[in-house]
């Protein structure tokens, strides 16, 4: 391994370690997690943290990519499971809700409304809502791609698949946020309610003949 390759690998490893330190702080403090606390957890100074991520927005985006990748992987696993369509839909919704239930502080850090962020960060221009919107769009596009691959939308093309994908993600986000705040019912019950809501459209759609189906 040459010097340049070794240095790049060392930088990637250090970045992973800093993200793990940030995760620990976010798990503890949620939206109140600060760059000072993250730097202290990592055993470095804040300027070194800035050197790796630029600012809290850069760190936020790195954490968001890390957690969104893991979430999308679990959603795809649920969609690809050998089960009938309704069960796959239920499993996919449950995978999302289970993820935010397991790490609510991480969810709140990534997706919590901007009005709950610390005042100092609001004044510095760090807007949680502005940063979280791309995450929802990415999830919507990923789901739209799966729908387009596996569902015959009756000649409506990719526009219908994208509308469904973004609509389902929006529903999951809104319903999940409400449920996580109020806990009005068990997770399994919410999954059933949301699946019933979706089923009016999905149950009548035909699978593409060359796909395994959704």
N, C-alpha and C. Protein backbone atom coordinates (compact mmCIF):
# COMPACT_ATOMS: atom_id res chain seq x y z
N UNK A 1 0.85 -1.19 0.00
CA UNK A 1 0.00 0.00 0.00
C UNK A 1 0.89 1.25 0.00
N UNK A 2 0.69 2.15 -0.99
CA UNK A 2 1.54 3.33 -1.04
C UNK A 2 1.13 4.35 0.00
N UNK A 3 1.97 5.39 0.13
CA UNK A 3 1.74 6.38 1.19
C UNK A 3 0.41 7.10 1.02
N UNK A 4 0.08 7.47 -0.24
CA UNK A 4 -1.18 8.18 -0.48
C UNK A 4 -2.39 7.34 -0.13
N UNK A 5 -2.39 6.06 -0.52
CA UNK A 5 -3.49 5.16 -0.21
C UNK A 5 -3.62 4.95 1.29
N UNK A 6 -2.48 4.78 1.96
CA UNK A 6 -2.48 4.59 3.41
C UNK A 6 -3.05 5.80 4.12
N UNK A 7 -2.68 6.99 3.63
CA UNK A 7 -3.18 8.22 4.25
C UNK A 7 -4.68 8.37 4.07
N UNK A 8 -5.17 8.04 2.86
CA UNK A 8 -6.62 8.14 2.61
C UNK A 8 -7.39 7.16 3.48
N UNK A 9 -6.85 5.94 3.64
CA UNK A 9 -7.52 4.96 4.48
C UNK A 9 -7.52 5.42 5.94
N UNK A 10 -6.42 6.02 6.36
CA UNK A 10 -6.34 6.54 7.72
C UNK A 10 -7.35 7.66 7.95
N UNK A 11 -7.51 8.50 6.94
CA UNK A 11 -8.49 9.59 7.04
C UNK A 11 -9.91 9.05 7.10
N UNK A 12 -10.21 8.03 6.26
CA UNK A 12 -11.55 7.41 6.29
C UNK A 12 -11.81 6.76 7.64
N UNK A 13 -10.80 6.08 8.18
CA UNK A 13 -10.96 5.43 9.48
C UNK A 13 -11.20 6.46 10.56
N UNK A 14 -10.47 7.58 10.52
CA UNK A 14 -10.66 8.63 11.53
C UNK A 14 -12.05 9.23 11.41
N UNK A 15 -12.51 9.40 10.18
CA UNK A 15 -13.85 9.95 9.97
C UNK A 15 -14.91 9.00 10.54
N UNK A 16 -14.73 7.70 10.33
CA UNK A 16 -15.67 6.72 10.90
C UNK A 16 -15.68 6.82 12.43
N UNK A 17 -14.51 6.96 13.02
CA UNK A 17 -14.42 7.06 14.48
C UNK A 17 -15.12 8.31 14.98
N UNK A 18 -14.98 9.42 14.25
CA UNK A 18 -15.64 10.66 14.66
C UNK A 18 -17.15 10.55 14.52
N UNK A 19 -17.61 9.86 13.47
CA UNK A 19 -19.05 9.66 13.31
C UNK A 19 -19.61 8.77 14.41
N UNK A 20 -18.84 7.77 14.83
CA UNK A 20 -19.27 6.93 15.94
C UNK A 20 -19.35 7.73 17.23
N UNK A 21 -18.39 8.63 17.45
CA UNK A 21 -18.45 9.51 18.63
C UNK A 21 -19.67 10.42 18.55
N UNK A 22 -19.93 10.96 17.35
CA UNK A 22 -21.11 11.80 17.17
C UNK A 22 -22.38 11.02 17.44
N UNK A 23 -22.44 9.77 16.97
CA UNK A 23 -23.61 8.93 17.24
C UNK A 23 -23.85 8.76 18.73
N UNK A 24 -22.78 8.56 19.48
CA UNK A 24 -22.94 8.38 20.93
C UNK A 24 -23.52 9.63 21.59
N UNK A 25 -23.06 10.78 21.14
CA UNK A 25 -23.58 12.04 21.70
C UNK A 25 -25.03 12.24 21.29
N UNK A 26 -25.35 11.95 20.02
CA UNK A 26 -26.72 12.11 19.54
C UNK A 26 -27.66 11.17 20.29
N UNK A 27 -27.22 9.95 20.54
CA UNK A 27 -28.04 8.99 21.30
C UNK A 27 -28.33 9.51 22.70
N UNK A 28 -27.39 10.25 23.24
CA UNK A 28 -27.56 10.79 24.59
C UNK A 28 -28.35 12.10 24.59
N UNK A 29 -28.05 13.00 23.63
CA UNK A 29 -28.58 14.37 23.69
C UNK A 29 -29.64 14.68 22.65
N UNK A 30 -29.79 13.83 21.63
CA UNK A 30 -30.78 14.10 20.59
C UNK A 30 -30.50 15.41 19.87
N UNK A 31 -31.54 16.21 19.59
CA UNK A 31 -31.37 17.46 18.85
C UNK A 31 -30.47 18.46 19.55
N UNK A 32 -30.25 18.27 20.85
CA UNK A 32 -29.39 19.20 21.60
C UNK A 32 -27.91 18.89 21.43
N UNK A 33 -27.56 17.85 20.69
CA UNK A 33 -26.16 17.49 20.50
C UNK A 33 -25.40 18.67 19.89
N UNK A 34 -24.27 19.00 20.47
CA UNK A 34 -23.49 20.15 20.01
C UNK A 34 -22.13 19.71 19.49
N UNK A 35 -21.53 20.57 18.68
CA UNK A 35 -20.19 20.29 18.19
C UNK A 35 -19.19 20.20 19.34
N UNK A 36 -19.37 21.02 20.37
CA UNK A 36 -18.48 20.96 21.54
C UNK A 36 -18.54 19.60 22.21
N UNK A 37 -19.77 19.10 22.40
CA UNK A 37 -19.94 17.81 23.06
C UNK A 37 -19.38 16.67 22.22
N UNK A 38 -19.57 16.76 20.90
CA UNK A 38 -19.07 15.72 20.01
C UNK A 38 -17.54 15.72 20.00
N UNK A 39 -16.95 16.92 19.94
CA UNK A 39 -15.49 17.00 19.98
C UNK A 39 -14.95 16.42 21.28
N UNK A 40 -15.60 16.75 22.40
CA UNK A 40 -15.16 16.23 23.70
C UNK A 40 -15.27 14.71 23.75
N UNK A 41 -16.36 14.17 23.21
CA UNK A 41 -16.56 12.72 23.18
C UNK A 41 -15.46 12.03 22.35
N UNK A 42 -15.05 12.69 21.28
CA UNK A 42 -14.02 12.13 20.41
C UNK A 42 -12.60 12.37 20.94
N UNK A 43 -12.49 13.21 21.97
CA UNK A 43 -11.18 13.50 22.54
C UNK A 43 -10.34 14.41 21.67
N UNK A 44 -11.01 15.32 20.95
CA UNK A 44 -10.31 16.26 20.08
C UNK A 44 -10.84 17.66 20.33
N UNK A 45 -10.25 18.64 19.67
CA UNK A 45 -10.75 20.01 19.76
C UNK A 45 -11.76 20.25 18.64
N UNK A 46 -12.59 21.26 18.84
CA UNK A 46 -13.60 21.55 17.83
C UNK A 46 -13.00 21.92 16.47
N UNK A 47 -11.89 22.66 16.40
CA UNK A 47 -11.30 22.93 15.07
C UNK A 47 -10.94 21.67 14.30
N UNK A 48 -10.52 20.62 15.00
CA UNK A 48 -10.20 19.36 14.31
C UNK A 48 -11.48 18.74 13.75
N UNK A 49 -12.56 18.82 14.52
CA UNK A 49 -13.85 18.32 14.04
C UNK A 49 -14.28 19.09 12.80
N UNK A 50 -14.10 20.42 12.83
CA UNK A 50 -14.43 21.24 11.67
C UNK A 50 -13.58 20.86 10.46
N UNK A 51 -12.34 20.47 10.70
CA UNK A 51 -11.45 20.10 9.61
C UNK A 51 -12.00 18.90 8.83
N UNK A 52 -12.68 18.00 9.54
CA UNK A 52 -13.23 16.80 8.90
C UNK A 52 -14.60 17.05 8.27
N UNK A 53 -15.42 17.91 8.89
CA UNK A 53 -16.81 18.04 8.44
C UNK A 53 -17.20 19.46 8.03
N UNK A 54 -16.37 20.44 8.29
CA UNK A 54 -16.68 21.80 7.91
C UNK A 54 -17.47 22.56 8.97
N UNK A 55 -18.68 22.09 9.25
CA UNK A 55 -19.52 22.70 10.27
C UNK A 55 -20.56 21.66 10.70
N UNK A 56 -21.53 22.09 11.52
CA UNK A 56 -22.51 21.11 11.96
C UNK A 56 -23.37 20.60 10.80
N UNK A 57 -23.57 21.45 9.80
CA UNK A 57 -24.30 20.99 8.62
C UNK A 57 -23.58 19.85 7.93
N UNK A 58 -22.26 19.94 7.82
CA UNK A 58 -21.48 18.87 7.21
C UNK A 58 -21.53 17.60 8.02
N UNK A 59 -21.42 17.74 9.33
CA UNK A 59 -21.52 16.57 10.21
C UNK A 59 -22.91 15.96 10.13
N UNK A 60 -23.93 16.81 10.11
CA UNK A 60 -25.31 16.34 10.00
C UNK A 60 -25.49 15.52 8.73
N UNK A 61 -24.98 16.03 7.61
CA UNK A 61 -25.14 15.32 6.34
C UNK A 61 -24.43 13.97 6.37
N UNK A 62 -23.26 13.92 7.00
CA UNK A 62 -22.53 12.66 7.09
C UNK A 62 -23.29 11.65 7.95
N UNK A 63 -23.85 12.10 9.07
CA UNK A 63 -24.65 11.22 9.92
C UNK A 63 -25.93 10.79 9.20
N UNK A 64 -26.54 11.73 8.50
CA UNK A 64 -27.78 11.42 7.78
C UNK A 64 -27.53 10.35 6.72
N UNK A 65 -26.43 10.47 5.98
CA UNK A 65 -26.12 9.47 4.96
C UNK A 65 -25.89 8.11 5.60
N UNK A 66 -25.18 8.11 6.71
CA UNK A 66 -24.88 6.86 7.43
C UNK A 66 -26.16 6.14 7.85
N UNK A 67 -27.08 6.88 8.46
CA UNK A 67 -28.31 6.27 8.97
C UNK A 67 -29.32 6.00 7.87
N UNK A 68 -29.36 6.87 6.86
CA UNK A 68 -30.29 6.64 5.76
C UNK A 68 -29.90 5.42 4.96
N UNK A 69 -28.60 5.23 4.74
CA UNK A 69 -28.13 4.03 4.05
C UNK A 69 -28.59 2.76 4.78
N UNK A 70 -28.43 2.76 6.11
CA UNK A 70 -28.83 1.59 6.90
C UNK A 70 -30.34 1.38 6.84
N UNK A 71 -31.11 2.47 6.92
CA UNK A 71 -32.56 2.35 6.86
C UNK A 71 -33.03 1.85 5.50
N UNK A 72 -32.46 2.40 4.43
CA UNK A 72 -32.87 1.96 3.09
C UNK A 72 -32.52 0.50 2.87
N UNK A 73 -31.41 0.06 3.44
CA UNK A 73 -31.05 -1.36 3.32
C UNK A 73 -32.09 -2.24 3.99
N UNK A 74 -32.56 -1.83 5.17
CA UNK A 74 -33.57 -2.64 5.87
C UNK A 74 -34.91 -2.60 5.14
N UNK A 75 -35.24 -1.47 4.53
CA UNK A 75 -36.50 -1.38 3.77
C UNK A 75 -36.45 -2.26 2.54
N UNK A 76 -35.32 -2.27 1.85
CA UNK A 76 -35.19 -3.12 0.66
C UNK A 76 -35.23 -4.60 1.04
N UNK A 77 -34.64 -4.94 2.18
CA UNK A 77 -34.69 -6.33 2.64
C UNK A 77 -36.14 -6.76 2.86
N UNK A 78 -36.93 -5.87 3.48
CA UNK A 78 -38.34 -6.18 3.72
C UNK A 78 -39.10 -6.32 2.40
N UNK A 79 -38.81 -5.43 1.44
CA UNK A 79 -39.49 -5.49 0.15
C UNK A 79 -39.11 -6.73 -0.65
N UNK A 80 -37.91 -7.24 -0.43
CA UNK A 80 -37.43 -8.40 -1.19
C UNK A 80 -37.73 -9.74 -0.52
N UNK A 81 -38.34 -9.70 0.65
CA UNK A 81 -38.60 -10.95 1.38
C UNK A 81 -39.58 -11.83 0.61
N UNK A 82 -39.44 -13.17 0.74
CA UNK A 82 -40.35 -14.09 0.05
C UNK A 82 -41.70 -14.17 0.76
N UNK A 83 -42.58 -13.21 0.47
CA UNK A 83 -43.89 -13.17 1.10
C UNK A 83 -44.87 -12.53 0.12
N UNK A 84 -46.16 -12.57 0.46
CA UNK A 84 -47.11 -11.94 -0.45
C UNK A 84 -47.01 -10.42 -0.31
N UNK A 85 -47.69 -9.70 -1.22
CA UNK A 85 -47.49 -8.26 -1.31
C UNK A 85 -47.89 -7.53 -0.03
N UNK A 86 -49.05 -7.89 0.53
CA UNK A 86 -49.48 -7.17 1.74
C UNK A 86 -48.47 -7.38 2.88
N UNK A 87 -47.98 -8.58 3.02
CA UNK A 87 -47.01 -8.85 4.09
C UNK A 87 -45.73 -8.06 3.88
N UNK A 88 -45.32 -7.93 2.63
CA UNK A 88 -44.11 -7.13 2.35
C UNK A 88 -44.34 -5.66 2.69
N UNK A 89 -45.53 -5.16 2.36
CA UNK A 89 -45.84 -3.77 2.70
C UNK A 89 -45.83 -3.58 4.21
N UNK A 90 -46.46 -4.51 4.92
CA UNK A 90 -46.46 -4.43 6.38
C UNK A 90 -45.04 -4.48 6.94
N UNK A 91 -44.22 -5.39 6.41
CA UNK A 91 -42.85 -5.53 6.90
C UNK A 91 -42.03 -4.27 6.61
N UNK A 92 -42.29 -3.63 5.48
CA UNK A 92 -41.55 -2.42 5.13
C UNK A 92 -41.93 -1.28 6.06
N UNK A 93 -43.22 -1.11 6.29
CA UNK A 93 -43.67 -0.08 7.24
C UNK A 93 -43.12 -0.36 8.64
N UNK A 94 -43.15 -1.62 9.03
CA UNK A 94 -42.66 -1.98 10.35
C UNK A 94 -41.16 -1.73 10.47
N UNK A 95 -40.41 -1.99 9.40
CA UNK A 95 -38.96 -1.75 9.43
C UNK A 95 -38.66 -0.28 9.68
N UNK A 96 -39.42 0.61 9.05
CA UNK A 96 -39.22 2.05 9.25
C UNK A 96 -39.56 2.43 10.69
N UNK A 97 -40.72 2.00 11.16
CA UNK A 97 -41.15 2.37 12.52
C UNK A 97 -40.24 1.76 13.57
N UNK A 98 -39.78 0.53 13.33
CA UNK A 98 -38.86 -0.10 14.29
C UNK A 98 -37.56 0.67 14.37
N UNK A 99 -37.09 1.20 13.24
CA UNK A 99 -35.83 1.95 13.22
C UNK A 99 -35.94 3.23 14.03
N UNK A 100 -37.04 3.98 13.88
CA UNK A 100 -37.15 5.23 14.63
C UNK A 100 -37.47 4.97 16.10
N UNK A 101 -38.14 3.84 16.37
CA UNK A 101 -38.44 3.49 17.76
C UNK A 101 -37.16 3.07 18.48
N UNK A 102 -36.27 2.36 17.79
CA UNK A 102 -35.05 1.86 18.42
C UNK A 102 -34.08 2.98 18.75
N UNK A 103 -34.05 4.04 17.90
CA UNK A 103 -33.09 5.12 18.11
C UNK A 103 -33.81 6.46 17.99
N UNK A 104 -34.73 6.75 18.92
CA UNK A 104 -35.53 7.97 18.80
C UNK A 104 -34.71 9.25 18.84
N UNK A 105 -33.61 9.25 19.60
CA UNK A 105 -32.80 10.46 19.67
C UNK A 105 -32.11 10.74 18.34
N UNK A 106 -31.67 9.68 17.66
CA UNK A 106 -31.08 9.86 16.34
C UNK A 106 -32.13 10.39 15.38
N UNK A 107 -33.33 9.79 15.43
CA UNK A 107 -34.42 10.26 14.57
C UNK A 107 -34.71 11.73 14.82
N UNK A 108 -34.78 12.13 16.10
CA UNK A 108 -35.10 13.52 16.41
C UNK A 108 -34.00 14.46 15.95
N UNK A 109 -32.75 14.02 16.07
CA UNK A 109 -31.64 14.84 15.61
C UNK A 109 -31.72 15.07 14.11
N UNK A 110 -32.06 14.01 13.37
CA UNK A 110 -32.10 14.10 11.91
C UNK A 110 -33.36 14.75 11.37
N UNK A 111 -34.49 14.53 12.03
CA UNK A 111 -35.77 14.90 11.44
C UNK A 111 -36.63 15.84 12.27
N UNK A 112 -36.21 16.15 13.47
CA UNK A 112 -37.07 16.93 14.35
C UNK A 112 -37.31 18.32 13.78
N UNK A 113 -38.51 18.87 13.98
CA UNK A 113 -38.80 20.22 13.46
C UNK A 113 -37.78 21.25 13.93
N UNK A 114 -37.48 22.19 13.05
CA UNK A 114 -36.42 23.17 13.31
C UNK A 114 -36.70 24.05 14.52
N UNK A 115 -37.98 24.22 14.88
CA UNK A 115 -38.27 25.11 16.00
C UNK A 115 -37.75 24.56 17.32
N UNK A 116 -37.42 23.27 17.38
CA UNK A 116 -36.93 22.69 18.62
C UNK A 116 -35.40 22.68 18.71
N UNK A 117 -34.71 23.21 17.69
CA UNK A 117 -33.27 23.23 17.75
C UNK A 117 -32.79 24.31 18.72
N UNK A 118 -31.57 24.18 19.25
CA UNK A 118 -31.06 25.22 20.14
C UNK A 118 -31.04 26.58 19.46
N UNK A 119 -31.34 27.63 20.22
CA UNK A 119 -31.42 28.98 19.67
C UNK A 119 -30.11 29.41 19.04
N UNK A 120 -28.99 29.03 19.65
CA UNK A 120 -27.69 29.44 19.11
C UNK A 120 -27.48 28.90 17.71
N UNK A 121 -27.95 27.67 17.48
CA UNK A 121 -27.78 27.08 16.15
C UNK A 121 -28.72 27.73 15.15
N UNK A 122 -29.91 28.08 15.59
CA UNK A 122 -30.84 28.76 14.70
C UNK A 122 -30.25 30.09 14.25
N UNK A 123 -29.63 30.81 15.19
CA UNK A 123 -29.03 32.09 14.86
C UNK A 123 -27.83 31.92 13.94
N UNK A 124 -27.15 30.77 14.06
CA UNK A 124 -25.98 30.52 13.22
C UNK A 124 -26.36 29.99 11.83
N UNK A 125 -27.66 29.77 11.61
CA UNK A 125 -28.10 29.36 10.29
C UNK A 125 -28.23 27.86 10.09
N UNK A 126 -28.15 27.07 11.15
CA UNK A 126 -28.32 25.62 11.00
C UNK A 126 -29.80 25.30 11.11
N UNK A 127 -30.39 24.95 9.99
CA UNK A 127 -31.83 24.71 9.90
C UNK A 127 -32.07 23.22 9.72
N UNK A 128 -32.56 22.53 10.77
CA UNK A 128 -32.79 21.09 10.70
C UNK A 128 -33.76 20.75 9.59
N UNK A 129 -34.83 21.52 9.45
CA UNK A 129 -35.81 21.25 8.42
C UNK A 129 -35.22 21.32 7.03
N UNK A 130 -34.35 22.31 6.80
CA UNK A 130 -33.73 22.46 5.48
C UNK A 130 -32.85 21.26 5.16
N UNK A 131 -32.18 20.72 6.17
CA UNK A 131 -31.29 19.59 5.94
C UNK A 131 -32.04 18.26 5.87
N UNK A 132 -33.18 18.15 6.57
CA UNK A 132 -33.88 16.86 6.60
C UNK A 132 -34.68 16.61 5.33
N UNK A 133 -35.12 17.66 4.64
CA UNK A 133 -35.93 17.47 3.44
C UNK A 133 -35.25 16.59 2.39
N UNK A 134 -33.93 16.76 2.13
CA UNK A 134 -33.29 15.87 1.14
C UNK A 134 -33.34 14.40 1.54
N UNK A 135 -33.36 14.10 2.83
CA UNK A 135 -33.44 12.71 3.26
C UNK A 135 -34.77 12.10 2.84
N UNK A 136 -35.84 12.84 3.04
CA UNK A 136 -37.16 12.35 2.65
C UNK A 136 -37.25 12.21 1.14
N UNK A 137 -36.66 13.14 0.41
CA UNK A 137 -36.68 13.04 -1.05
C UNK A 137 -35.91 11.80 -1.51
N UNK A 138 -34.77 11.55 -0.89
CA UNK A 138 -33.97 10.37 -1.27
C UNK A 138 -34.76 9.09 -1.02
N UNK A 139 -35.41 9.00 0.14
CA UNK A 139 -36.21 7.81 0.44
C UNK A 139 -37.35 7.67 -0.55
N UNK A 140 -37.98 8.80 -0.90
CA UNK A 140 -39.08 8.76 -1.86
C UNK A 140 -38.63 8.26 -3.22
N UNK A 141 -37.47 8.73 -3.68
CA UNK A 141 -36.95 8.30 -4.98
C UNK A 141 -36.56 6.82 -4.96
N UNK A 142 -35.97 6.37 -3.85
CA UNK A 142 -35.59 4.96 -3.74
C UNK A 142 -36.83 4.07 -3.80
N UNK A 143 -37.87 4.44 -3.08
CA UNK A 143 -39.09 3.64 -3.08
C UNK A 143 -39.77 3.70 -4.44
N UNK A 144 -39.73 4.88 -5.07
CA UNK A 144 -40.32 5.03 -6.41
C UNK A 144 -39.63 4.09 -7.40
N UNK A 145 -38.33 3.95 -7.27
CA UNK A 145 -37.58 3.06 -8.16
C UNK A 145 -38.04 1.61 -8.01
N UNK A 146 -38.24 1.20 -6.75
CA UNK A 146 -38.71 -0.17 -6.49
C UNK A 146 -40.11 -0.36 -7.07
N UNK A 147 -40.98 0.61 -6.88
CA UNK A 147 -42.35 0.51 -7.39
C UNK A 147 -42.34 0.43 -8.91
N UNK A 148 -41.51 1.28 -9.57
CA UNK A 148 -41.45 1.28 -11.02
C UNK A 148 -40.95 -0.05 -11.57
N UNK A 149 -40.04 -0.69 -10.83
CA UNK A 149 -39.48 -1.97 -11.26
C UNK A 149 -40.48 -3.11 -11.13
N UNK A 150 -41.38 -3.02 -10.15
CA UNK A 150 -42.16 -4.20 -9.78
C UNK A 150 -43.66 -4.08 -9.96
N UNK A 151 -44.15 -2.88 -10.17
CA UNK A 151 -45.60 -2.69 -10.26
C UNK A 151 -45.97 -2.09 -11.62
N UNK A 152 -46.99 -2.66 -12.23
CA UNK A 152 -47.56 -2.10 -13.45
C UNK A 152 -48.54 -1.02 -13.04
N UNK A 153 -48.21 0.23 -13.34
CA UNK A 153 -49.06 1.35 -12.92
C UNK A 153 -50.15 1.66 -13.94
N UNK A 154 -50.41 0.73 -14.83
CA UNK A 154 -51.51 0.91 -15.78
C UNK A 154 -51.23 1.95 -16.84
N UNK A 155 -49.98 2.03 -17.29
CA UNK A 155 -49.63 2.96 -18.35
C UNK A 155 -49.39 4.38 -17.87
N UNK A 156 -49.37 4.60 -16.56
CA UNK A 156 -49.18 5.95 -16.04
C UNK A 156 -47.71 6.34 -15.93
N UNK A 157 -46.82 5.37 -16.16
CA UNK A 157 -45.40 5.68 -16.24
C UNK A 157 -44.73 5.98 -14.91
N UNK A 158 -43.53 6.57 -15.02
CA UNK A 158 -42.74 6.82 -13.81
C UNK A 158 -43.36 7.90 -12.93
N UNK A 159 -44.18 8.77 -13.50
CA UNK A 159 -44.79 9.83 -12.68
C UNK A 159 -45.64 9.21 -11.57
N UNK A 160 -46.40 8.16 -11.92
CA UNK A 160 -47.23 7.50 -10.90
C UNK A 160 -46.36 6.82 -9.85
N UNK A 161 -45.29 6.14 -10.30
CA UNK A 161 -44.40 5.46 -9.36
C UNK A 161 -43.75 6.46 -8.40
N UNK A 162 -43.34 7.61 -8.93
CA UNK A 162 -42.71 8.63 -8.07
C UNK A 162 -43.74 9.24 -7.12
N UNK A 163 -44.95 9.46 -7.61
CA UNK A 163 -46.00 10.00 -6.73
C UNK A 163 -46.28 9.03 -5.59
N UNK A 164 -46.38 7.75 -5.93
CA UNK A 164 -46.62 6.74 -4.89
C UNK A 164 -45.44 6.68 -3.93
N UNK A 165 -44.23 6.65 -4.48
CA UNK A 165 -43.04 6.55 -3.63
C UNK A 165 -42.95 7.70 -2.65
N UNK A 166 -43.06 8.93 -3.14
CA UNK A 166 -42.97 10.09 -2.26
C UNK A 166 -44.18 10.18 -1.33
N UNK A 167 -45.34 9.77 -1.83
CA UNK A 167 -46.53 9.79 -0.98
C UNK A 167 -46.44 8.82 0.18
N UNK A 168 -45.93 7.62 -0.09
CA UNK A 168 -45.79 6.62 0.97
C UNK A 168 -44.76 7.07 2.00
N UNK A 169 -43.64 7.63 1.52
CA UNK A 169 -42.61 8.12 2.45
C UNK A 169 -43.17 9.26 3.29
N UNK A 170 -43.91 10.16 2.65
CA UNK A 170 -44.51 11.26 3.41
C UNK A 170 -45.47 10.74 4.47
N UNK A 171 -46.25 9.73 4.12
CA UNK A 171 -47.17 9.13 5.09
C UNK A 171 -46.41 8.48 6.23
N UNK A 172 -45.35 7.72 5.90
CA UNK A 172 -44.56 7.06 6.94
C UNK A 172 -43.94 8.09 7.88
N UNK A 173 -43.41 9.16 7.30
CA UNK A 173 -42.76 10.18 8.12
C UNK A 173 -43.77 10.86 9.03
N UNK A 174 -44.89 11.32 8.47
CA UNK A 174 -45.88 12.04 9.27
C UNK A 174 -46.49 11.15 10.34
N UNK A 175 -46.90 9.94 9.93
CA UNK A 175 -47.52 9.03 10.89
C UNK A 175 -46.51 8.57 11.94
N UNK A 176 -45.27 8.30 11.51
CA UNK A 176 -44.24 7.87 12.45
C UNK A 176 -43.89 8.95 13.44
N UNK A 177 -43.82 10.19 12.98
CA UNK A 177 -43.50 11.31 13.88
C UNK A 177 -44.59 11.48 14.93
N UNK A 178 -45.84 11.42 14.50
CA UNK A 178 -46.97 11.51 15.43
C UNK A 178 -46.94 10.36 16.42
N UNK A 179 -46.73 9.15 15.91
CA UNK A 179 -46.75 7.96 16.76
C UNK A 179 -45.61 7.98 17.78
N UNK A 180 -44.42 8.40 17.35
CA UNK A 180 -43.28 8.43 18.25
C UNK A 180 -43.47 9.44 19.37
N UNK A 181 -44.16 10.54 19.07
CA UNK A 181 -44.41 11.57 20.08
C UNK A 181 -45.49 11.15 21.07
N UNK A 182 -46.58 10.53 20.56
CA UNK A 182 -47.75 10.28 21.41
C UNK A 182 -47.93 8.84 21.83
N UNK A 183 -47.36 7.89 21.10
CA UNK A 183 -47.53 6.46 21.35
C UNK A 183 -48.99 6.10 21.60
N UNK A 184 -49.90 6.42 20.66
CA UNK A 184 -51.33 6.18 20.87
C UNK A 184 -51.73 4.72 20.73
N UNK A 185 -50.85 3.88 20.16
CA UNK A 185 -51.18 2.48 19.93
C UNK A 185 -49.88 1.70 19.77
N UNK A 186 -49.95 0.37 19.87
CA UNK A 186 -48.75 -0.45 19.60
C UNK A 186 -48.29 -0.30 18.16
N UNK A 187 -47.02 -0.53 17.92
CA UNK A 187 -46.45 -0.40 16.58
C UNK A 187 -47.19 -1.29 15.57
N UNK A 188 -47.47 -2.51 15.96
CA UNK A 188 -48.14 -3.44 15.04
C UNK A 188 -49.51 -2.92 14.61
N UNK A 189 -50.20 -2.26 15.52
CA UNK A 189 -51.52 -1.71 15.18
C UNK A 189 -51.39 -0.57 14.18
N UNK A 190 -50.40 0.29 14.37
CA UNK A 190 -50.18 1.38 13.41
C UNK A 190 -49.83 0.81 12.04
N UNK A 191 -49.00 -0.23 12.01
CA UNK A 191 -48.64 -0.87 10.74
C UNK A 191 -49.90 -1.35 10.03
N UNK A 192 -50.80 -1.98 10.75
CA UNK A 192 -52.04 -2.47 10.13
C UNK A 192 -52.87 -1.31 9.58
N UNK A 193 -52.99 -0.24 10.36
CA UNK A 193 -53.79 0.91 9.91
C UNK A 193 -53.20 1.51 8.63
N UNK A 194 -51.90 1.68 8.59
CA UNK A 194 -51.27 2.29 7.42
C UNK A 194 -51.36 1.37 6.21
N UNK A 195 -51.20 0.07 6.44
CA UNK A 195 -51.33 -0.88 5.33
C UNK A 195 -52.74 -0.86 4.77
N UNK A 196 -53.74 -0.79 5.63
CA UNK A 196 -55.13 -0.71 5.17
C UNK A 196 -55.34 0.53 4.30
N UNK A 197 -54.70 1.63 4.71
CA UNK A 197 -54.84 2.87 3.95
C UNK A 197 -54.23 2.73 2.56
N UNK A 198 -53.06 2.12 2.49
CA UNK A 198 -52.39 1.93 1.21
C UNK A 198 -53.08 0.90 0.32
N UNK A 199 -53.73 -0.02 0.95
CA UNK A 199 -54.20 -1.20 0.20
C UNK A 199 -55.24 -0.88 -0.86
N UNK A 200 -55.92 0.21 -0.71
CA UNK A 200 -56.91 0.58 -1.71
C UNK A 200 -56.30 0.73 -3.09
N UNK A 201 -55.06 1.22 -3.17
CA UNK A 201 -54.39 1.38 -4.46
C UNK A 201 -53.54 0.18 -4.82
N UNK A 202 -52.75 -0.30 -3.87
CA UNK A 202 -51.79 -1.35 -4.19
C UNK A 202 -52.46 -2.69 -4.50
N UNK A 203 -53.57 -2.98 -3.85
CA UNK A 203 -54.20 -4.29 -4.03
C UNK A 203 -54.72 -4.49 -5.45
N UNK A 204 -55.03 -3.41 -6.15
CA UNK A 204 -55.62 -3.54 -7.49
C UNK A 204 -54.59 -3.42 -8.61
N UNK A 205 -53.34 -3.16 -8.26
CA UNK A 205 -52.30 -3.03 -9.29
C UNK A 205 -51.74 -4.40 -9.63
N UNK A 206 -51.39 -4.57 -10.91
CA UNK A 206 -50.84 -5.85 -11.38
C UNK A 206 -49.32 -5.82 -11.34
N UNK A 207 -48.73 -6.97 -11.07
CA UNK A 207 -47.28 -7.08 -11.12
C UNK A 207 -46.81 -7.01 -12.57
N UNK A 208 -45.60 -6.46 -12.77
CA UNK A 208 -44.98 -6.57 -14.08
C UNK A 208 -44.72 -8.06 -14.35
N UNK A 209 -44.93 -8.51 -15.58
CA UNK A 209 -44.76 -9.96 -15.86
C UNK A 209 -43.33 -10.46 -15.67
N UNK A 210 -42.33 -9.55 -15.78
CA UNK A 210 -40.93 -9.98 -15.67
C UNK A 210 -40.30 -9.60 -14.33
N UNK A 211 -41.14 -9.34 -13.32
CA UNK A 211 -40.60 -8.97 -12.02
C UNK A 211 -41.13 -9.92 -10.95
N UNK A 212 -40.44 -10.02 -9.81
CA UNK A 212 -40.92 -10.90 -8.73
C UNK A 212 -42.12 -10.34 -8.00
N UNK A 213 -42.50 -9.09 -8.30
CA UNK A 213 -43.65 -8.50 -7.63
C UNK A 213 -43.25 -7.78 -6.37
N UNK A 214 -44.15 -6.91 -5.92
CA UNK A 214 -43.90 -6.14 -4.70
C UNK A 214 -44.57 -6.81 -3.51
